[in-house]
Structure formats: C-alpha cells, structure tokens
Amino acid sequence: MHTPGIWRRSSYSGGGDGNNCVEIASRPDHVRIRDSKVPARTTLTFPPAAFITFLHALKPAHSTVTDFARLRG
C-alpha cells in the first residue's frame, strides 16, 4: 500500500473546527493535496517542481510563494 506521508492542514483553514481547508502530504518525490472535508476522496498529486508552479498559479501577483522546505516540515 502507498504511504502518503503526514497530512498537514493549511495555515489558512480558518476558525471553528478548521475543516474548510486543504491538506498536503509531502514526500521526496511528490506532494499530495486533499480536501479536509472529504479526505477519503481523490487527491491531487504533483512532482515537487509542479507543486510550486501550482502554488504560483493560485497566488495573487503581489504575493510570494511559501518556501517549499517549510511545507515539507
């Protein structure tokens, strides 16, 4: 069975029970993303470099992308 890594919630998960966010699990060869509300559903999987490109596409032009090393814990 494939081990996804340790799932971490987004720092932007908001108040309450914090279930309105995404979670990531990173491994040396890939990064997986899932919806925290339905973790059993399909995940998105990216090679590390493609994950950084994905983050750049989501961020406003004036923001900087979070350091990938920090995401990896």
C-alpha atoms as a PDB file:
ATOM      1  CA  MET A   1       0.000   0.000   0.000  1.00  0.00           C
ATOM      2  CA  HIS A   2       1.201   3.509  -0.816  1.00  0.00           C
ATOM      3  CA  THR A   3       2.021   5.658   2.224  1.00  0.00           C
ATOM      4  CA  PRO A   4       1.032   9.277   1.514  1.00  0.00           C
ATOM      5  CA  GLY A   5       3.143  10.917   4.215  1.00  0.00           C
ATOM      6  CA  ILE A   6       1.899  13.026   7.096  1.00  0.00           C
ATOM      7  CA  TRP A   7      -1.105  15.173   6.216  1.00  0.00           C
ATOM      8  CA  ARG A   8      -0.914  18.831   7.324  1.00  0.00           C
ATOM      9  CA  ARG A   9      -3.712  21.376   7.218  1.00  0.00           C
ATOM     10  CA  SER A  10      -3.375  24.716   5.571  1.00  0.00           C
ATOM     11  CA  SER A  11      -2.489  27.615   7.851  1.00  0.00           C
ATOM     12  CA  TYR A  12      -5.484  29.397   6.257  1.00  0.00           C
ATOM     13  CA  SER A  13      -8.049  26.860   7.497  1.00  0.00           C
ATOM     14  CA  GLY A  14      -9.995  29.475   9.426  1.00  0.00           C
ATOM     15  CA  GLY A  15     -11.832  29.283  12.714  1.00  0.00           C
ATOM     16  CA  GLY A  16     -14.229  26.733  14.099  1.00  0.00           C
ATOM     17  CA  ASP A  17     -13.274  23.126  13.598  1.00  0.00           C
ATOM     18  CA  GLY A  18     -10.837  24.063  10.811  1.00  0.00           C
ATOM     19  CA  ASN A  19     -12.331  21.674   8.275  1.00  0.00           C
ATOM     20  CA  ASN A  20     -12.732  24.211   5.462  1.00  0.00           C
ATOM     21  CA  CYS A  21      -9.283  23.827   4.017  1.00  0.00           C
ATOM     22  CA  VAL A  22      -6.929  21.655   2.078  1.00  0.00           C
ATOM     23  CA  GLU A  23      -4.315  19.326   3.481  1.00  0.00           C
ATOM     24  CA  ILE A  24      -0.971  18.388   1.979  1.00  0.00           C
ATOM     25  CA  ALA A  25       1.293  15.396   2.417  1.00  0.00           C
ATOM     26  CA  SER A  26       4.794  15.700   1.016  1.00  0.00           C
ATOM     27  CA  ARG A  27       7.331  13.044   0.161  1.00  0.00           C
ATOM     28  CA  PRO A  28      10.678  13.478  -1.585  1.00  0.00           C
ATOM     29  CA  ASP A  29       9.206  12.539  -4.971  1.00  0.00           C
ATOM     30  CA  HIS A  30       5.704  14.072  -4.800  1.00  0.00           C
ATOM     31  CA  VAL A  31       3.227  16.306  -2.981  1.00  0.00           C
ATOM     32  CA  ARG A  32      -0.394  15.246  -2.482  1.00  0.00           C
ATOM     33  CA  ILE A  33      -3.344  17.582  -1.814  1.00  0.00           C
ATOM     34  CA  ARG A  34      -6.795  16.656  -0.488  1.00  0.00           C
ATOM     35  CA  ASP A  35      -9.958  18.353   0.736  1.00  0.00           C
ATOM     36  CA  SER A  36     -10.103  18.157   4.544  1.00  0.00           C
ATOM     37  CA  LYS A  37     -13.920  17.866   4.457  1.00  0.00           C
ATOM     38  CA  VAL A  38     -13.789  14.649   2.416  1.00  0.00           C
ATOM     39  CA  PRO A  39     -10.319  13.124   2.930  1.00  0.00           C
ATOM     40  CA  ALA A  40     -11.312   9.729   1.501  1.00  0.00           C
ATOM     41  CA  ARG A  41     -11.935  11.202  -1.959  1.00  0.00           C
ATOM     42  CA  THR A  42      -9.383  11.560  -4.710  1.00  0.00           C
ATOM     43  CA  THR A  43      -6.222  13.564  -4.118  1.00  0.00           C
ATOM     44  CA  LEU A  44      -4.157  15.703  -6.462  1.00  0.00           C
ATOM     45  CA  THR A  45      -0.559  14.532  -6.810  1.00  0.00           C
ATOM     46  CA  PHE A  46       2.290  16.699  -8.115  1.00  0.00           C
ATOM     47  CA  PRO A  47       6.026  16.330  -8.567  1.00  0.00           C
ATOM     48  CA  PRO A  48       7.651  18.928  -6.225  1.00  0.00           C
ATOM     49  CA  ALA A  49       8.519  21.388  -9.014  1.00  0.00           C
ATOM     50  CA  ALA A  50       4.999  21.207 -10.461  1.00  0.00           C
ATOM     51  CA  PHE A  51       3.565  21.841  -6.985  1.00  0.00           C
ATOM     52  CA  ILE A  52       5.495  25.107  -6.778  1.00  0.00           C
ATOM     53  CA  THR A  53       4.129  26.066 -10.222  1.00  0.00           C
ATOM     54  CA  PHE A  54       0.617  25.186  -8.986  1.00  0.00           C
ATOM     55  CA  LEU A  55       1.082  27.451  -5.931  1.00  0.00           C
ATOM     56  CA  HIS A  56       2.298  30.304  -8.122  1.00  0.00           C
ATOM     57  CA  ALA A  57      -0.851  29.968 -10.238  1.00  0.00           C
ATOM     58  CA  LEU A  58      -3.064  30.216  -7.138  1.00  0.00           C
ATOM     59  CA  LYS A  59      -1.357  33.191  -5.501  1.00  0.00           C
ATOM     60  CA  PRO A  60      -2.155  36.812  -6.329  1.00  0.00           C
ATOM     61  CA  ALA A  61       0.569  38.537  -8.335  1.00  0.00           C
ATOM     62  CA  HIS A  62       1.745  40.577  -5.318  1.00  0.00           C
ATOM     63  CA  SER A  63       2.194  37.532  -3.001  1.00  0.00           C
ATOM     64  CA  THR A  64       5.228  35.313  -2.667  1.00  0.00           C
ATOM     65  CA  VAL A  65       5.015  31.541  -2.643  1.00  0.00           C
ATOM     66  CA  THR A  66       5.680  29.917   0.711  1.00  0.00           C
ATOM     67  CA  ASP A  67       9.086  28.296   0.920  1.00  0.00           C
ATOM     68  CA  PHE A  68       8.640  24.659  -0.148  1.00  0.00           C
ATOM     69  CA  ALA A  69      11.085  23.474   2.524  1.00  0.00           C
ATOM     70  CA  ARG A  70       8.753  24.883   5.182  1.00  0.00           C
ATOM     71  CA  LEU A  71       5.819  22.947   3.695  1.00  0.00           C
ATOM     72  CA  ARG A  72       7.804  19.746   3.890  1.00  0.00           C
ATOM     73  CA  GLY A  73       8.245  20.227   7.631  1.00  0.00           C
END
